[in-house]
Amino acid sequence: MNMAITPRAKPFKMAAGALAALTMALAGCASSYGAGTASPSSVGQASTVYTGYVQSVREVTIRNERSLIGAATGAVLGGLAGSELGGGDKAQTAGAVGGAVIGGIAGNEAGKRLGTKRGYAYTVRFDNGEVREITQGADIYIPPGAAVNAIAGADGWKIVPR
């Protein structure tokens, strides 16, 4: 009796699963860009607080320009998938390169969409007469006319109700 031994799981499938899990975990750590968000480097840092009033508010979309995590994950998965094509070394190499390029482009676009957030652009008139627009995530909504504290700190500008 002639029995062929087949591998249980290809390395490609294991690597793809691991990279997909890593990508999902990292996507869950994305910043909300909101007033309630602080980076670890801002802890213990002093910020300057300015007082003023919201003159107007408009809804905006905060969109990443590029996604390094998405592009890298897509490139690796595309390269692994492409290397499975063809029977010879040259065909596998060409498939890996082509798959990495296509996967990188697709992963970058997917990562940008995952990193898109709602936000508000607030026009604030400070008590000193200066007017600035401050954009932040939509974790809180501050209506026009509300008194606010504008905080200039390590994480950029944020506004919160007074």
C-alpha atoms as a PDB file:
ATOM      1  CA  MET A   1       0.000   0.000   0.000  1.00  0.00           C
ATOM      2  CA  ASN A   2       1.394   3.360  -1.023  1.00  0.00           C
ATOM      3  CA  MET A   3       0.682   6.262   1.370  1.00  0.00           C
ATOM      4  CA  ALA A   4       1.642   9.861   0.708  1.00  0.00           C
ATOM      5  CA  ILE A   5       2.448  12.088   3.637  1.00  0.00           C
ATOM      6  CA  THR A   6       0.900  15.540   3.418  1.00  0.00           C
ATOM      7  CA  PRO A   7       1.830  18.452   5.658  1.00  0.00           C
ATOM      8  CA  ARG A   8      -0.808  19.391   8.228  1.00  0.00           C
ATOM      9  CA  ALA A   9      -0.522  23.158   7.864  1.00  0.00           C
ATOM     10  CA  LYS A  10       1.488  25.236   5.463  1.00  0.00           C
ATOM     11  CA  PRO A  11       3.724  27.892   7.000  1.00  0.00           C
ATOM     12  CA  PHE A  12       1.805  30.461   4.918  1.00  0.00           C
ATOM     13  CA  LYS A  13      -1.456  29.733   6.706  1.00  0.00           C
ATOM     14  CA  MET A  14       0.134  29.947  10.140  1.00  0.00           C
ATOM     15  CA  ALA A  15       1.932  33.213   9.315  1.00  0.00           C
ATOM     16  CA  ALA A  16      -1.222  34.685   7.781  1.00  0.00           C
ATOM     17  CA  GLY A  17      -3.222  33.883  10.898  1.00  0.00           C
ATOM     18  CA  ALA A  18      -0.582  35.357  13.188  1.00  0.00           C
ATOM     19  CA  LEU A  19      -0.292  38.546  11.142  1.00  0.00           C
ATOM     20  CA  ALA A  20      -4.065  38.950  10.925  1.00  0.00           C
ATOM     21  CA  ALA A  21      -4.343  38.635  14.713  1.00  0.00           C
ATOM     22  CA  LEU A  22      -1.530  41.172  15.184  1.00  0.00           C
ATOM     23  CA  THR A  23      -3.169  43.629  12.793  1.00  0.00           C
ATOM     24  CA  MET A  24      -6.519  43.378  14.577  1.00  0.00           C
ATOM     25  CA  ALA A  25      -4.859  43.880  17.955  1.00  0.00           C
ATOM     26  CA  LEU A  26      -2.944  46.936  16.779  1.00  0.00           C
ATOM     27  CA  ALA A  27      -6.005  48.401  15.050  1.00  0.00           C
ATOM     28  CA  GLY A  28      -7.816  48.226  18.376  1.00  0.00           C
ATOM     29  CA  CYS A  29      -5.091  50.436  19.898  1.00  0.00           C
ATOM     30  CA  ALA A  30      -5.659  53.296  17.465  1.00  0.00           C
ATOM     31  CA  SER A  31      -5.952  56.729  19.016  1.00  0.00           C
ATOM     32  CA  SER A  32      -9.339  58.445  19.145  1.00  0.00           C
ATOM     33  CA  TYR A  33      -7.739  61.905  18.805  1.00  0.00           C
ATOM     34  CA  GLY A  34     -10.194  63.219  21.357  1.00  0.00           C
ATOM     35  CA  ALA A  35     -10.161  65.502  24.363  1.00  0.00           C
ATOM     36  CA  GLY A  36     -10.123  62.470  26.638  1.00  0.00           C
ATOM     37  CA  THR A  37      -7.029  60.914  25.031  1.00  0.00           C
ATOM     38  CA  ALA A  38      -3.475  61.363  26.325  1.00  0.00           C
ATOM     39  CA  SER A  39      -0.223  59.835  25.128  1.00  0.00           C
ATOM     40  CA  PRO A  40       2.165  58.274  27.646  1.00  0.00           C
ATOM     41  CA  SER A  41       4.728  61.006  26.905  1.00  0.00           C
ATOM     42  CA  SER A  42       2.294  63.715  28.062  1.00  0.00           C
ATOM     43  CA  VAL A  43       1.925  62.281  31.567  1.00  0.00           C
ATOM     44  CA  GLY A  44       3.569  64.604  34.072  1.00  0.00           C
ATOM     45  CA  GLN A  45       4.001  67.402  31.499  1.00  0.00           C
ATOM     46  CA  ALA A  46       2.665  70.903  32.173  1.00  0.00           C
ATOM     47  CA  SER A  47       0.239  72.416  29.665  1.00  0.00           C
ATOM     48  CA  THR A  48      -0.864  75.990  29.091  1.00  0.00           C
ATOM     49  CA  VAL A  49      -4.595  76.636  29.464  1.00  0.00           C
ATOM     50  CA  TYR A  50      -6.385  79.452  27.620  1.00  0.00           C
ATOM     51  CA  THR A  51     -10.006  80.404  28.268  1.00  0.00           C
ATOM     52  CA  GLY A  52     -12.548  81.326  25.629  1.00  0.00           C
ATOM     53  CA  TYR A  53     -15.858  80.535  23.945  1.00  0.00           C
ATOM     54  CA  VAL A  54     -16.831  78.298  21.020  1.00  0.00           C
ATOM     55  CA  GLN A  55     -17.962  80.507  18.134  1.00  0.00           C
ATOM     56  CA  SER A  56     -18.839  77.696  15.738  1.00  0.00           C
ATOM     57  CA  VAL A  57     -18.434  73.972  15.239  1.00  0.00           C
ATOM     58  CA  ARG A  58     -18.418  71.736  12.184  1.00  0.00           C
ATOM     59  CA  GLU A  59     -18.179  67.979  11.806  1.00  0.00           C
ATOM     60  CA  VAL A  60     -15.017  66.683  10.108  1.00  0.00           C
ATOM     61  CA  THR A  61     -13.466  63.356   9.160  1.00  0.00           C
ATOM     62  CA  ILE A  62     -10.022  62.673  10.602  1.00  0.00           C
ATOM     63  CA  ARG A  63      -8.275  60.409   8.103  1.00  0.00           C
ATOM     64  CA  ASN A  64      -4.812  58.866   8.231  1.00  0.00           C
ATOM     65  CA  GLU A  65      -2.588  59.769   5.284  1.00  0.00           C
ATOM     66  CA  ARG A  66      -0.963  56.328   5.323  1.00  0.00           C
ATOM     67  CA  SER A  67      -1.029  53.160   7.357  1.00  0.00           C
ATOM     68  CA  LEU A  68       2.369  51.579   7.976  1.00  0.00           C
ATOM     69  CA  ILE A  69       0.838  48.660   9.869  1.00  0.00           C
ATOM     70  CA  GLY A  70      -1.659  47.963   7.079  1.00  0.00           C
ATOM     71  CA  ALA A  71       0.965  48.278   4.334  1.00  0.00           C
ATOM     72  CA  ALA A  72       3.471  46.046   6.139  1.00  0.00           C
ATOM     73  CA  THR A  73       0.878  43.391   6.964  1.00  0.00           C
ATOM     74  CA  GLY A  74      -0.494  43.458   3.415  1.00  0.00           C
ATOM     75  CA  ALA A  75       2.995  43.197   1.933  1.00  0.00           C
ATOM     76  CA  VAL A  76       3.929  40.209   4.083  1.00  0.00           C
ATOM     77  CA  LEU A  77       0.644  38.401   3.461  1.00  0.00           C
ATOM     78  CA  GLY A  78       0.763  39.234  -0.254  1.00  0.00           C
ATOM     79  CA  GLY A  79       4.362  38.039  -0.502  1.00  0.00           C
ATOM     80  CA  LEU A  80       3.550  34.787   1.255  1.00  0.00           C
ATOM     81  CA  ALA A  81       0.499  34.214  -0.936  1.00  0.00           C
ATOM     82  CA  GLY A  82       2.395  35.119  -4.112  1.00  0.00           C
ATOM     83  CA  SER A  83       5.256  32.748  -3.277  1.00  0.00           C
ATOM     84  CA  GLU A  84       2.797  29.852  -3.334  1.00  0.00           C
ATOM     85  CA  LEU A  85       2.218  30.446  -7.049  1.00  0.00           C
ATOM     86  CA  GLY A  86       4.206  28.723  -9.745  1.00  0.00           C
ATOM     87  CA  GLY A  87       6.304  25.611  -9.780  1.00  0.00           C
ATOM     88  CA  GLY A  88       9.846  26.925 -10.064  1.00  0.00           C
ATOM     89  CA  ASP A  89      12.036  29.178  -7.992  1.00  0.00           C
ATOM     90  CA  LYS A  90      11.762  32.105 -10.446  1.00  0.00           C
ATOM     91  CA  ALA A  91       7.968  31.896 -10.585  1.00  0.00           C
ATOM     92  CA  GLN A  92       7.754  31.754  -6.802  1.00  0.00           C
ATOM     93  CA  THR A  93      10.094  34.754  -6.451  1.00  0.00           C
ATOM     94  CA  ALA A  94       8.139  36.755  -9.027  1.00  0.00           C
ATOM     95  CA  GLY A  95       4.879  35.817  -7.327  1.00  0.00           C
ATOM     96  CA  ALA A  96       6.245  36.833  -3.934  1.00  0.00           C
ATOM     97  CA  VAL A  97       7.422  40.230  -5.210  1.00  0.00           C
ATOM     98  CA  GLY A  98       4.170  40.902  -7.075  1.00  0.00           C
ATOM     99  CA  GLY A  99       2.093  39.736  -4.121  1.00  0.00           C
ATOM    100  CA  ALA A 100       4.061  41.934  -1.715  1.00  0.00           C
ATOM    101  CA  VAL A 101       3.542  45.043  -3.862  1.00  0.00           C
ATOM    102  CA  ILE A 102      -0.181  44.440  -4.386  1.00  0.00           C
ATOM    103  CA  GLY A 103      -0.669  43.385  -0.755  1.00  0.00           C
ATOM    104  CA  GLY A 104       1.178  46.476   0.499  1.00  0.00           C
ATOM    105  CA  ILE A 105      -1.028  48.813  -1.534  1.00  0.00           C
ATOM    106  CA  ALA A 106      -4.223  47.033  -0.474  1.00  0.00           C
ATOM    107  CA  GLY A 107      -3.115  46.873   3.176  1.00  0.00           C
ATOM    108  CA  ASN A 108      -2.290  50.597   3.203  1.00  0.00           C
ATOM    109  CA  GLU A 109      -5.766  51.489   1.911  1.00  0.00           C
ATOM    110  CA  ALA A 110      -7.461  49.142   4.383  1.00  0.00           C
ATOM    111  CA  GLY A 111      -5.407  50.575   7.245  1.00  0.00           C
ATOM    112  CA  LYS A 112      -6.342  54.136   6.284  1.00  0.00           C
ATOM    113  CA  ARG A 113     -10.039  53.234   6.319  1.00  0.00           C
ATOM    114  CA  LEU A 114      -9.681  51.567   9.736  1.00  0.00           C
ATOM    115  CA  GLY A 115      -7.931  54.681  11.065  1.00  0.00           C
ATOM    116  CA  THR A 116     -10.672  57.097   9.911  1.00  0.00           C
ATOM    117  CA  LYS A 117     -12.477  58.819  12.788  1.00  0.00           C
ATOM    118  CA  ARG A 118     -15.236  61.394  13.240  1.00  0.00           C
ATOM    119  CA  GLY A 119     -14.244  64.704  14.733  1.00  0.00           C
ATOM    120  CA  TYR A 120     -15.234  68.324  15.257  1.00  0.00           C
ATOM    121  CA  ALA A 121     -13.462  71.503  14.189  1.00  0.00           C
ATOM    122  CA  TYR A 122     -14.163  74.176  16.799  1.00  0.00           C
ATOM    123  CA  THR A 123     -13.666  77.881  16.140  1.00  0.00           C
ATOM    124  CA  VAL A 124     -12.710  79.336  19.517  1.00  0.00           C
ATOM    125  CA  ARG A 125     -12.541  83.028  20.441  1.00  0.00           C
ATOM    126  CA  PHE A 126     -10.112  83.393  23.316  1.00  0.00           C
ATOM    127  CA  ASP A 127     -10.638  85.948  26.058  1.00  0.00           C
ATOM    128  CA  ASN A 128      -7.643  87.901  24.652  1.00  0.00           C
ATOM    129  CA  GLY A 129      -9.514  88.343  21.319  1.00  0.00           C
ATOM    130  CA  GLU A 130      -7.502  85.796  19.318  1.00  0.00           C
ATOM    131  CA  VAL A 131      -9.490  83.281  17.225  1.00  0.00           C
ATOM    132  CA  ARG A 132      -8.276  79.747  16.394  1.00  0.00           C
ATOM    133  CA  GLU A 133      -9.747  76.576  14.964  1.00  0.00           C
ATOM    134  CA  ILE A 134      -9.011  73.427  16.963  1.00  0.00           C
ATOM    135  CA  THR A 135      -9.864  69.994  15.555  1.00  0.00           C
ATOM    136  CA  GLN A 136     -10.278  66.967  17.800  1.00  0.00           C
ATOM    137  CA  GLY A 137     -12.057  63.625  17.946  1.00  0.00           C
ATOM    138  CA  ALA A 138     -15.788  63.326  18.493  1.00  0.00           C
ATOM    139  CA  ASP A 139     -15.567  61.915  22.021  1.00  0.00           C
ATOM    140  CA  ILE A 140     -17.323  65.057  23.297  1.00  0.00           C
ATOM    141  CA  TYR A 141     -19.475  67.680  21.572  1.00  0.00           C
ATOM    142  CA  ILE A 142     -19.227  71.281  22.709  1.00  0.00           C
ATOM    143  CA  PRO A 143     -22.000  73.543  21.345  1.00  0.00           C
ATOM    144  CA  PRO A 144     -21.447  77.087  20.054  1.00  0.00           C
ATOM    145  CA  GLY A 145     -21.517  79.637  22.868  1.00  0.00           C
ATOM    146  CA  ALA A 146     -20.063  77.247  25.441  1.00  0.00           C
ATOM    147  CA  ALA A 147     -17.244  78.468  27.674  1.00  0.00           C
ATOM    148  CA  VAL A 148     -14.137  76.316  27.141  1.00  0.00           C
ATOM    149  CA  ASN A 149     -10.598  75.746  28.286  1.00  0.00           C
ATOM    150  CA  ALA A 150      -8.190  75.346  25.378  1.00  0.00           C
ATOM    151  CA  ILE A 151      -5.235  73.261  26.493  1.00  0.00           C
ATOM    152  CA  ALA A 152      -1.929  73.555  24.624  1.00  0.00           C
ATOM    153  CA  GLY A 153       0.238  70.621  25.680  1.00  0.00           C
ATOM    154  CA  ALA A 154       2.485  67.783  24.610  1.00  0.00           C
ATOM    155  CA  ASP A 155      -0.350  66.156  22.640  1.00  0.00           C
ATOM    156  CA  GLY A 156      -1.258  69.351  20.754  1.00  0.00           C
ATOM    157  CA  TRP A 157      -4.357  71.475  21.362  1.00  0.00           C
ATOM    158  CA  LYS A 158      -7.523  70.169  23.015  1.00  0.00           C
ATOM    159  CA  ILE A 159     -10.645  71.933  24.165  1.00  0.00           C
ATOM    160  CA  VAL A 160     -12.892  70.957  27.038  1.00  0.00           C
ATOM    161  CA  PRO A 161     -15.966  72.615  28.542  1.00  0.00           C
ATOM    162  CA  ARG A 162     -15.236  74.952  31.475  1.00  0.00           C
END
